[in-house]
Amino acid sequence: MNDQTSVYTRAARWIAQLSGRPVTFLLAVGSIILWLVTGPLFGFSDTWQLVINTGTTIVTFLMVFLIQNTQNRDTTAMQLKLDELIRATEGAHLSLLDLEELEERELAAFVAQYEALAARGRAQLDKGKSDTGTPEVVTRTAPPEKSL
């Protein structure tokens, strides 16, 4: 691991790895069973209930940030890998590299174009024809080319 990696990032990775293991799940289940077993000892008191409520709330609160951090890193890495595939593929549209930055209406226009292409491809298959091809889909508003 890089020496420049922040303490938070190293800790987040370590905790994420640890929390995803079966033994961690079993420890959590064991803690709940232990809490349940101690219920009669404490007369199922408000304090007894508060212990589990507080513990689970704190763990959940912290895990939200950990999960978000992990998911942000994973999403960024995956996006970069996909961007590299687009960049390295001859004939690919570089304008698709930053789709995640577009407004909802612009994304919806691209979705509609690709859905139209899929429908056209299925129609070609229904006619016994090939559904392969590389029709152009590069505008934010125009329908896809009809050259399947």
C-alpha atoms as a PDB file:
ATOM      1  CA  MET A   1       0.000   0.000   0.000  1.00  0.00           C
ATOM      2  CA  ASN A   2       1.191   3.511  -0.783  1.00  0.00           C
ATOM      3  CA  ASP A   3       2.828   5.442   2.080  1.00  0.00           C
ATOM      4  CA  GLN A   4       0.804   8.477   0.975  1.00  0.00           C
ATOM      5  CA  THR A   5      -2.504   6.746   1.748  1.00  0.00           C
ATOM      6  CA  SER A   6      -4.319   8.587   4.510  1.00  0.00           C
ATOM      7  CA  VAL A   7      -4.901   7.057   7.913  1.00  0.00           C
ATOM      8  CA  TYR A   8      -8.644   7.290   7.289  1.00  0.00           C
ATOM      9  CA  THR A   9      -8.412   5.431   3.982  1.00  0.00           C
ATOM     10  CA  ARG A  10      -6.246   2.674   5.471  1.00  0.00           C
ATOM     11  CA  ALA A  11      -8.584   2.352   8.468  1.00  0.00           C
ATOM     12  CA  ALA A  12     -11.674   2.358   6.231  1.00  0.00           C
ATOM     13  CA  ARG A  13     -10.232  -0.404   4.053  1.00  0.00           C
ATOM     14  CA  TRP A  14      -9.219  -2.470   7.076  1.00  0.00           C
ATOM     15  CA  ILE A  15     -12.606  -2.092   8.798  1.00  0.00           C
ATOM     16  CA  ALA A  16     -14.461  -2.831   5.542  1.00  0.00           C
ATOM     17  CA  GLN A  17     -12.438  -6.019   5.063  1.00  0.00           C
ATOM     18  CA  LEU A  18     -12.966  -7.028   8.678  1.00  0.00           C
ATOM     19  CA  SER A  19     -16.691  -6.238   8.759  1.00  0.00           C
ATOM     20  CA  GLY A  20     -17.366  -8.331   5.663  1.00  0.00           C
ATOM     21  CA  ARG A  21     -16.036 -11.551   7.160  1.00  0.00           C
ATOM     22  CA  PRO A  22     -18.271 -14.338   8.474  1.00  0.00           C
ATOM     23  CA  VAL A  23     -16.553 -14.284  11.882  1.00  0.00           C
ATOM     24  CA  THR A  24     -17.568 -10.634  12.320  1.00  0.00           C
ATOM     25  CA  PHE A  25     -21.173 -11.525  11.611  1.00  0.00           C
ATOM     26  CA  LEU A  26     -20.968 -14.365  14.111  1.00  0.00           C
ATOM     27  CA  LEU A  27     -19.522 -11.972  16.723  1.00  0.00           C
ATOM     28  CA  ALA A  28     -22.452  -9.618  16.144  1.00  0.00           C
ATOM     29  CA  VAL A  29     -24.950 -12.471  16.489  1.00  0.00           C
ATOM     30  CA  GLY A  30     -23.103 -13.622  19.614  1.00  0.00           C
ATOM     31  CA  SER A  31     -23.338 -10.135  21.101  1.00  0.00           C
ATOM     32  CA  ILE A  32     -27.081 -10.066  20.550  1.00  0.00           C
ATOM     33  CA  ILE A  33     -27.497 -13.532  22.058  1.00  0.00           C
ATOM     34  CA  LEU A  34     -25.405 -12.453  25.066  1.00  0.00           C
ATOM     35  CA  TRP A  35     -27.571  -9.352  25.421  1.00  0.00           C
ATOM     36  CA  LEU A  36     -30.742 -11.473  25.261  1.00  0.00           C
ATOM     37  CA  VAL A  37     -29.416 -13.946  27.827  1.00  0.00           C
ATOM     38  CA  THR A  38     -28.575 -11.125  30.245  1.00  0.00           C
ATOM     39  CA  GLY A  39     -32.113  -9.747  29.994  1.00  0.00           C
ATOM     40  CA  PRO A  40     -33.477 -11.703  32.957  1.00  0.00           C
ATOM     41  CA  LEU A  41     -30.398 -10.773  35.043  1.00  0.00           C
ATOM     42  CA  PHE A  42     -31.205  -7.087  34.577  1.00  0.00           C
ATOM     43  CA  GLY A  43     -34.963  -7.549  34.754  1.00  0.00           C
ATOM     44  CA  PHE A  44     -35.340  -6.455  31.122  1.00  0.00           C
ATOM     45  CA  SER A  45     -34.808  -2.917  32.416  1.00  0.00           C
ATOM     46  CA  ASP A  46     -34.728   0.292  30.421  1.00  0.00           C
ATOM     47  CA  THR A  47     -30.959   0.429  30.909  1.00  0.00           C
ATOM     48  CA  TRP A  48     -30.621  -3.108  29.544  1.00  0.00           C
ATOM     49  CA  GLN A  49     -32.584  -2.076  26.440  1.00  0.00           C
ATOM     50  CA  LEU A  50     -30.654   1.182  26.145  1.00  0.00           C
ATOM     51  CA  VAL A  51     -27.355  -0.727  25.936  1.00  0.00           C
ATOM     52  CA  ILE A  52     -28.307  -2.592  22.754  1.00  0.00           C
ATOM     53  CA  ASN A  53     -30.096   0.410  21.237  1.00  0.00           C
ATOM     54  CA  THR A  54     -27.125   2.704  21.811  1.00  0.00           C
ATOM     55  CA  GLY A  55     -24.587   0.140  20.641  1.00  0.00           C
ATOM     56  CA  THR A  56     -26.399  -0.686  17.430  1.00  0.00           C
ATOM     57  CA  THR A  57     -27.103   2.981  16.697  1.00  0.00           C
ATOM     58  CA  ILE A  58     -23.440   3.933  17.065  1.00  0.00           C
ATOM     59  CA  VAL A  59     -22.255   1.025  14.915  1.00  0.00           C
ATOM     60  CA  THR A  60     -24.872   1.783  12.249  1.00  0.00           C
ATOM     61  CA  PHE A  61     -24.019   5.497  12.236  1.00  0.00           C
ATOM     62  CA  LEU A  62     -20.309   4.838  11.754  1.00  0.00           C
ATOM     63  CA  MET A  63     -20.870   2.090   9.183  1.00  0.00           C
ATOM     64  CA  VAL A  64     -22.878   4.465   6.986  1.00  0.00           C
ATOM     65  CA  PHE A  65     -19.790   6.629   6.517  1.00  0.00           C
ATOM     66  CA  LEU A  66     -17.509   3.646   6.056  1.00  0.00           C
ATOM     67  CA  ILE A  67     -19.791   2.086   3.450  1.00  0.00           C
ATOM     68  CA  GLN A  68     -20.138   5.397   1.606  1.00  0.00           C
ATOM     69  CA  ASN A  69     -16.357   5.862   1.555  1.00  0.00           C
ATOM     70  CA  THR A  70     -15.809   2.346   0.257  1.00  0.00           C
ATOM     71  CA  GLN A  71     -18.549   2.686  -2.332  1.00  0.00           C
ATOM     72  CA  ASN A  72     -17.206   6.052  -3.535  1.00  0.00           C
ATOM     73  CA  ARG A  73     -13.729   4.565  -4.059  1.00  0.00           C
ATOM     74  CA  ASP A  74     -15.099   1.467  -5.789  1.00  0.00           C
ATOM     75  CA  THR A  75     -17.389   3.505  -8.034  1.00  0.00           C
ATOM     76  CA  THR A  76     -14.588   5.873  -9.014  1.00  0.00           C
ATOM     77  CA  ALA A  77     -12.238   2.981  -9.784  1.00  0.00           C
ATOM     78  CA  MET A  78     -14.895   1.187 -11.846  1.00  0.00           C
ATOM     79  CA  GLN A  79     -15.750   4.384 -13.714  1.00  0.00           C
ATOM     80  CA  LEU A  80     -12.092   4.943 -14.575  1.00  0.00           C
ATOM     81  CA  LYS A  81     -11.767   1.379 -15.832  1.00  0.00           C
ATOM     82  CA  LEU A  82     -14.844   1.792 -18.025  1.00  0.00           C
ATOM     83  CA  ASP A  83     -13.538   5.145 -19.257  1.00  0.00           C
ATOM     84  CA  GLU A  84     -10.259   3.469 -20.202  1.00  0.00           C
ATOM     85  CA  LEU A  85     -12.134   0.801 -22.166  1.00  0.00           C
ATOM     86  CA  ILE A  86     -14.058   3.488 -24.033  1.00  0.00           C
ATOM     87  CA  ARG A  87     -10.879   5.486 -24.642  1.00  0.00           C
ATOM     88  CA  ALA A  88      -8.973   2.457 -25.946  1.00  0.00           C
ATOM     89  CA  THR A  89     -11.778   1.131 -28.182  1.00  0.00           C
ATOM     90  CA  GLU A  90     -11.463   2.318 -31.736  1.00  0.00           C
ATOM     91  CA  GLY A  91     -14.670   3.958 -32.907  1.00  0.00           C
ATOM     92  CA  ALA A  92     -16.025   4.449 -29.372  1.00  0.00           C
ATOM     93  CA  HIS A  93     -17.588   7.804 -28.585  1.00  0.00           C
ATOM     94  CA  LEU A  94     -15.439   9.800 -26.219  1.00  0.00           C
ATOM     95  CA  SER A  95     -18.440  11.993 -25.458  1.00  0.00           C
ATOM     96  CA  LEU A  96     -19.764   9.128 -23.336  1.00  0.00           C
ATOM     97  CA  LEU A  97     -16.828   9.321 -20.904  1.00  0.00           C
ATOM     98  CA  ASP A  98     -18.540  11.673 -18.464  1.00  0.00           C
ATOM     99  CA  LEU A  99     -22.161  10.580 -18.593  1.00  0.00           C
ATOM    100  CA  GLU A 100     -22.309  10.537 -14.788  1.00  0.00           C
ATOM    101  CA  GLU A 101     -21.858  14.318 -14.873  1.00  0.00           C
ATOM    102  CA  LEU A 102     -24.910  14.986 -17.063  1.00  0.00           C
ATOM    103  CA  GLU A 103     -28.265  16.284 -15.889  1.00  0.00           C
ATOM    104  CA  GLU A 104     -31.138  13.813 -15.510  1.00  0.00           C
ATOM    105  CA  ARG A 105     -32.863  14.957 -18.699  1.00  0.00           C
ATOM    106  CA  GLU A 106     -29.655  14.508 -20.717  1.00  0.00           C
ATOM    107  CA  LEU A 107     -29.132  11.031 -19.260  1.00  0.00           C
ATOM    108  CA  ALA A 108     -32.767  10.210 -20.029  1.00  0.00           C
ATOM    109  CA  ALA A 109     -32.167  11.154 -23.687  1.00  0.00           C
ATOM    110  CA  PHE A 110     -29.242   8.729 -23.893  1.00  0.00           C
ATOM    111  CA  VAL A 111     -31.271   6.011 -22.159  1.00  0.00           C
ATOM    112  CA  ALA A 112     -34.094   6.506 -24.660  1.00  0.00           C
ATOM    113  CA  GLN A 113     -31.648   6.222 -27.567  1.00  0.00           C
ATOM    114  CA  TYR A 114     -30.147   2.989 -26.261  1.00  0.00           C
ATOM    115  CA  GLU A 115     -33.590   1.566 -25.487  1.00  0.00           C
ATOM    116  CA  ALA A 116     -34.631   2.348 -29.069  1.00  0.00           C
ATOM    117  CA  LEU A 117     -31.509   0.573 -30.328  1.00  0.00           C
ATOM    118  CA  ALA A 118     -32.326  -2.472 -28.183  1.00  0.00           C
ATOM    119  CA  ALA A 119     -35.907  -2.531 -29.479  1.00  0.00           C
ATOM    120  CA  ARG A 120     -34.653  -2.259 -33.056  1.00  0.00           C
ATOM    121  CA  GLY A 121     -32.193  -5.089 -32.424  1.00  0.00           C
ATOM    122  CA  ARG A 122     -34.938  -7.331 -31.028  1.00  0.00           C
ATOM    123  CA  ALA A 123     -37.118  -6.507 -34.046  1.00  0.00           C
ATOM    124  CA  GLN A 124     -34.235  -7.507 -36.333  1.00  0.00           C
ATOM    125  CA  LEU A 125     -33.885 -10.822 -34.470  1.00  0.00           C
ATOM    126  CA  ASP A 126     -37.633 -11.422 -34.763  1.00  0.00           C
ATOM    127  CA  LYS A 127     -37.265 -11.035 -38.544  1.00  0.00           C
ATOM    128  CA  GLY A 128     -34.431 -13.576 -38.526  1.00  0.00           C
ATOM    129  CA  LYS A 129     -31.803 -10.917 -39.202  1.00  0.00           C
ATOM    130  CA  SER A 130     -28.670 -10.033 -37.288  1.00  0.00           C
ATOM    131  CA  ASP A 131     -28.914  -7.517 -34.452  1.00  0.00           C
ATOM    132  CA  THR A 132     -25.282  -6.440 -34.693  1.00  0.00           C
ATOM    133  CA  GLY A 133     -24.041  -3.099 -35.861  1.00  0.00           C
ATOM    134  CA  THR A 134     -22.589   0.154 -34.699  1.00  0.00           C
ATOM    135  CA  PRO A 135     -25.209   2.832 -35.212  1.00  0.00           C
ATOM    136  CA  GLU A 136     -24.298   6.302 -34.016  1.00  0.00           C
ATOM    137  CA  VAL A 137     -25.568   7.466 -30.636  1.00  0.00           C
ATOM    138  CA  VAL A 138     -23.745  10.628 -29.773  1.00  0.00           C
ATOM    139  CA  THR A 139     -26.237  13.405 -29.321  1.00  0.00           C
ATOM    140  CA  ARG A 140     -28.106  14.364 -26.197  1.00  0.00           C
ATOM    141  CA  THR A 141     -31.436  14.712 -27.956  1.00  0.00           C
ATOM    142  CA  ALA A 142     -31.415  13.088 -31.409  1.00  0.00           C
ATOM    143  CA  PRO A 143     -32.872   9.623 -31.983  1.00  0.00           C
ATOM    144  CA  PRO A 144     -30.395   6.857 -32.848  1.00  0.00           C
ATOM    145  CA  GLU A 145     -29.401   6.224 -36.423  1.00  0.00           C
ATOM    146  CA  LYS A 146     -31.540   3.593 -38.180  1.00  0.00           C
ATOM    147  CA  SER A 147     -28.649   1.566 -39.575  1.00  0.00           C
ATOM    148  CA  LEU A 148     -28.703  -1.764 -37.806  1.00  0.00           C
END
